[in-house]
N, C-alpha and C. Protein backbone atom coordinates (compact mmCIF):
# COMPACT_ATOMS: atom_id res chain seq x y z
N MET A 1 -5.35 13.23 -171.48
CA MET A 1 -5.10 14.63 -171.23
C MET A 1 -5.71 15.48 -172.33
N THR A 2 -6.06 16.65 -171.92
CA THR A 2 -6.62 17.57 -172.90
C THR A 2 -5.50 18.27 -173.65
N LYS A 3 -5.86 18.96 -174.71
CA LYS A 3 -4.86 19.64 -175.53
C LYS A 3 -4.16 20.74 -174.76
N GLU A 4 -4.90 21.43 -173.89
CA GLU A 4 -4.32 22.53 -173.12
C GLU A 4 -3.26 22.02 -172.16
N LYS A 5 -3.56 20.89 -171.50
CA LYS A 5 -2.60 20.33 -170.56
C LYS A 5 -1.35 19.87 -171.29
N LYS A 6 -1.52 19.28 -172.49
CA LYS A 6 -0.37 18.83 -173.25
C LYS A 6 0.52 20.01 -173.64
N LYS A 7 -0.12 21.12 -174.00
CA LYS A 7 0.65 22.30 -174.38
C LYS A 7 1.45 22.83 -173.19
N VAL A 8 0.81 22.83 -172.01
CA VAL A 8 1.49 23.32 -170.81
C VAL A 8 2.68 22.42 -170.49
N VAL A 9 2.47 21.11 -170.58
CA VAL A 9 3.55 20.17 -170.27
C VAL A 9 4.68 20.34 -171.26
N LYS A 10 4.38 20.51 -172.53
CA LYS A 10 5.41 20.69 -173.55
C LYS A 10 6.20 21.97 -173.31
N LYS A 11 5.49 23.04 -172.93
CA LYS A 11 6.17 24.31 -172.67
C LYS A 11 7.11 24.17 -171.48
N GLU A 12 6.66 23.46 -170.43
CA GLU A 12 7.50 23.26 -169.26
C GLU A 12 8.74 22.47 -169.63
N ASP A 13 8.58 21.43 -170.44
CA ASP A 13 9.72 20.63 -170.87
C ASP A 13 10.70 21.47 -171.68
N LYS A 14 10.18 22.31 -172.54
CA LYS A 14 11.04 23.16 -173.36
C LYS A 14 11.83 24.14 -172.49
N THR A 15 11.15 24.73 -171.51
CA THR A 15 11.85 25.70 -170.66
C THR A 15 12.92 25.01 -169.83
N LYS A 16 12.64 23.79 -169.36
CA LYS A 16 13.65 23.06 -168.60
C LYS A 16 14.86 22.75 -169.47
N LYS A 17 14.62 22.33 -170.69
CA LYS A 17 15.72 22.02 -171.60
C LYS A 17 16.51 23.28 -171.93
N GLN A 18 15.81 24.40 -172.11
CA GLN A 18 16.49 25.65 -172.45
C GLN A 18 17.36 26.12 -171.29
N THR A 19 16.85 26.00 -170.07
CA THR A 19 17.64 26.45 -168.92
C THR A 19 18.88 25.57 -168.76
N LYS A 20 18.73 24.27 -169.00
CA LYS A 20 19.90 23.39 -168.90
C LYS A 20 20.93 23.76 -169.95
N LYS A 21 20.47 24.02 -171.17
CA LYS A 21 21.39 24.39 -172.23
C LYS A 21 22.06 25.73 -171.95
N SER A 22 21.29 26.69 -171.47
CA SER A 22 21.85 28.02 -171.23
C SER A 22 22.89 27.99 -170.11
N THR A 23 22.65 27.18 -169.07
CA THR A 23 23.64 27.11 -167.99
C THR A 23 24.90 26.43 -168.48
N LYS A 24 24.76 25.42 -169.34
CA LYS A 24 25.95 24.76 -169.87
C LYS A 24 26.76 25.73 -170.72
N LYS A 25 26.08 26.54 -171.52
CA LYS A 25 26.76 27.51 -172.36
C LYS A 25 27.50 28.54 -171.52
N LYS A 26 26.86 29.02 -170.47
CA LYS A 26 27.49 30.02 -169.61
C LYS A 26 28.74 29.45 -168.95
N GLU A 27 28.63 28.20 -168.48
CA GLU A 27 29.77 27.58 -167.83
C GLU A 27 30.91 27.39 -168.82
N ALA A 28 30.58 27.02 -170.04
CA ALA A 28 31.61 26.77 -171.04
C ALA A 28 32.28 28.07 -171.48
N LYS A 29 31.55 29.17 -171.56
CA LYS A 29 32.10 30.44 -172.03
C LYS A 29 32.97 31.13 -170.98
N LYS A 30 32.65 30.92 -169.71
CA LYS A 30 33.35 31.63 -168.65
C LYS A 30 34.74 31.02 -168.43
N PRO A 31 35.79 31.79 -168.66
CA PRO A 31 37.14 31.26 -168.47
C PRO A 31 37.47 31.20 -166.97
N GLN A 32 38.30 30.27 -166.62
CA GLN A 32 38.71 30.14 -165.23
C GLN A 32 39.74 31.22 -164.91
N GLU A 33 39.46 31.96 -163.85
CA GLU A 33 40.38 33.00 -163.41
C GLU A 33 41.21 32.45 -162.26
N GLY A 34 42.37 33.05 -162.07
CA GLY A 34 43.21 32.65 -160.96
C GLY A 34 42.60 33.10 -159.64
N TYR A 35 43.01 32.43 -158.57
CA TYR A 35 42.47 32.73 -157.25
C TYR A 35 42.72 34.18 -156.85
N PHE A 36 43.95 34.64 -157.03
CA PHE A 36 44.29 35.99 -156.60
C PHE A 36 43.62 37.06 -157.47
N LYS A 37 43.35 36.74 -158.72
CA LYS A 37 42.61 37.68 -159.56
C LYS A 37 41.18 37.82 -159.06
N GLN A 38 40.59 36.71 -158.65
CA GLN A 38 39.23 36.76 -158.11
C GLN A 38 39.20 37.53 -156.80
N VAL A 39 40.22 37.32 -155.97
CA VAL A 39 40.29 38.05 -154.69
C VAL A 39 40.41 39.55 -154.95
N ARG A 40 41.27 39.92 -155.87
CA ARG A 40 41.46 41.34 -156.20
C ARG A 40 40.15 41.95 -156.71
N LYS A 41 39.44 41.19 -157.53
CA LYS A 41 38.17 41.67 -158.09
C LYS A 41 37.14 41.89 -156.97
N GLU A 42 37.07 40.96 -156.02
CA GLU A 42 36.13 41.09 -154.91
C GLU A 42 36.52 42.23 -153.98
N MET A 43 37.80 42.41 -153.75
CA MET A 43 38.26 43.47 -152.84
C MET A 43 37.95 44.86 -153.40
N LYS A 44 37.85 44.98 -154.72
CA LYS A 44 37.46 46.26 -155.30
C LYS A 44 36.00 46.58 -155.02
N LEU A 45 35.20 45.56 -154.76
CA LEU A 45 33.77 45.77 -154.49
C LEU A 45 33.48 46.10 -153.02
N VAL A 46 34.47 45.90 -152.17
CA VAL A 46 34.29 46.13 -150.73
C VAL A 46 34.20 47.63 -150.45
N LYS A 47 33.25 48.01 -149.60
CA LYS A 47 33.14 49.41 -149.18
C LYS A 47 34.00 49.57 -147.93
N TRP A 48 35.12 50.22 -148.08
CA TRP A 48 36.05 50.38 -146.98
C TRP A 48 35.61 51.54 -146.09
N PRO A 49 35.77 51.40 -144.74
CA PRO A 49 35.37 52.48 -143.84
C PRO A 49 36.34 53.66 -143.91
N ARG A 50 35.83 54.82 -143.61
CA ARG A 50 36.65 56.04 -143.59
C ARG A 50 37.45 56.07 -142.28
N ALA A 51 38.41 56.96 -142.19
CA ALA A 51 39.28 57.05 -141.03
C ALA A 51 38.48 57.40 -139.77
N LYS A 52 37.47 58.29 -139.91
CA LYS A 52 36.65 58.66 -138.75
C LYS A 52 35.87 57.46 -138.23
N GLU A 53 35.36 56.65 -139.14
CA GLU A 53 34.60 55.46 -138.73
C GLU A 53 35.50 54.47 -138.01
N VAL A 54 36.71 54.27 -138.53
CA VAL A 54 37.66 53.35 -137.90
C VAL A 54 38.00 53.83 -136.50
N LEU A 55 38.23 55.12 -136.36
CA LEU A 55 38.55 55.68 -135.04
C LEU A 55 37.38 55.49 -134.08
N LYS A 56 36.18 55.75 -134.56
CA LYS A 56 34.99 55.60 -133.72
C LYS A 56 34.83 54.15 -133.26
N TYR A 57 34.99 53.20 -134.19
CA TYR A 57 34.85 51.78 -133.84
C TYR A 57 35.96 51.33 -132.89
N THR A 58 37.16 51.85 -133.08
CA THR A 58 38.28 51.48 -132.21
C THR A 58 38.04 51.97 -130.80
N ILE A 59 37.62 53.22 -130.67
CA ILE A 59 37.37 53.78 -129.33
C ILE A 59 36.23 53.04 -128.64
N SER A 60 35.16 52.74 -129.37
CA SER A 60 34.04 52.03 -128.75
C SER A 60 34.45 50.62 -128.32
N THR A 61 35.32 49.97 -129.08
CA THR A 61 35.80 48.64 -128.70
C THR A 61 36.65 48.70 -127.44
N ILE A 62 37.53 49.69 -127.37
CA ILE A 62 38.38 49.83 -126.19
C ILE A 62 37.54 50.13 -124.96
N VAL A 63 36.56 51.01 -125.09
CA VAL A 63 35.68 51.33 -123.95
C VAL A 63 34.89 50.10 -123.51
N PHE A 64 34.37 49.35 -124.46
CA PHE A 64 33.63 48.14 -124.11
C PHE A 64 34.52 47.14 -123.38
N CYS A 65 35.76 46.96 -123.86
CA CYS A 65 36.68 46.03 -123.19
C CYS A 65 37.03 46.50 -121.78
N ALA A 66 37.18 47.82 -121.61
CA ALA A 66 37.49 48.37 -120.28
C ALA A 66 36.33 48.14 -119.32
N ILE A 67 35.10 48.34 -119.79
CA ILE A 67 33.92 48.11 -118.95
C ILE A 67 33.83 46.63 -118.58
N LEU A 68 34.04 45.76 -119.54
CA LEU A 68 33.99 44.32 -119.28
C LEU A 68 35.09 43.90 -118.30
N CYS A 69 36.28 44.48 -118.44
CA CYS A 69 37.38 44.20 -117.52
C CYS A 69 37.01 44.65 -116.10
N GLY A 70 36.41 45.83 -116.00
CA GLY A 70 35.99 46.33 -114.68
C GLY A 70 34.95 45.42 -114.04
N ILE A 71 34.01 44.91 -114.82
CA ILE A 71 32.99 44.00 -114.28
C ILE A 71 33.64 42.74 -113.74
N PHE A 72 34.59 42.17 -114.48
CA PHE A 72 35.24 40.95 -114.02
C PHE A 72 36.13 41.21 -112.79
N MET A 73 36.76 42.38 -112.74
CA MET A 73 37.56 42.71 -111.56
C MET A 73 36.66 42.86 -110.33
N LEU A 74 35.50 43.46 -110.52
CA LEU A 74 34.55 43.61 -109.42
C LEU A 74 34.05 42.25 -108.95
N LEU A 75 33.72 41.37 -109.90
CA LEU A 75 33.29 40.02 -109.52
C LEU A 75 34.39 39.27 -108.79
N ASN A 76 35.63 39.42 -109.23
CA ASN A 76 36.75 38.77 -108.57
C ASN A 76 36.92 39.27 -107.14
N LEU A 77 36.76 40.59 -106.96
CA LEU A 77 36.87 41.17 -105.61
C LEU A 77 35.76 40.65 -104.71
N ILE A 78 34.54 40.60 -105.24
CA ILE A 78 33.41 40.09 -104.45
C ILE A 78 33.63 38.63 -104.06
N MET A 79 34.10 37.83 -105.02
CA MET A 79 34.33 36.40 -104.72
C MET A 79 35.45 36.23 -103.69
N SER A 80 36.49 37.04 -103.76
CA SER A 80 37.58 36.91 -102.79
C SER A 80 37.12 37.34 -101.39
N ILE A 81 36.26 38.34 -101.29
CA ILE A 81 35.71 38.75 -100.00
C ILE A 81 34.85 37.64 -99.42
N ILE A 82 34.01 37.04 -100.25
CA ILE A 82 33.16 35.95 -99.80
C ILE A 82 34.01 34.77 -99.37
N LYS A 83 35.08 34.47 -100.10
CA LYS A 83 35.97 33.36 -99.75
C LYS A 83 36.66 33.65 -98.40
N GLY A 84 37.01 34.92 -98.15
CA GLY A 84 37.64 35.31 -96.89
C GLY A 84 36.70 35.10 -95.70
N TRP A 85 35.42 35.36 -95.88
CA TRP A 85 34.46 35.16 -94.81
C TRP A 85 34.22 33.68 -94.55
N VAL A 86 34.12 32.91 -95.63
CA VAL A 86 33.77 31.51 -95.50
C VAL A 86 34.96 30.68 -95.05
N GLY A 87 36.10 30.91 -95.63
CA GLY A 87 37.18 29.95 -95.44
C GLY A 87 38.34 30.40 -94.72
């Protein structure tokens, strides 16, 4: 190997060793938190919807369910009519 390649290989080895050491240090320094403390911390980061958004989503869900219910009722009516003709 040439001198340049040896230098590159040595640098790569050093960086690998440094990253391994740095991750071990981070893991060792970080204290273990309780489950509920972590949950509370994450819940503070959540972007909660406003009242208008909740109302809008609720109304759209109810309308979608009503439309879907109507489609299934229509299909049921059609199938019962067909069954009346056939059987």
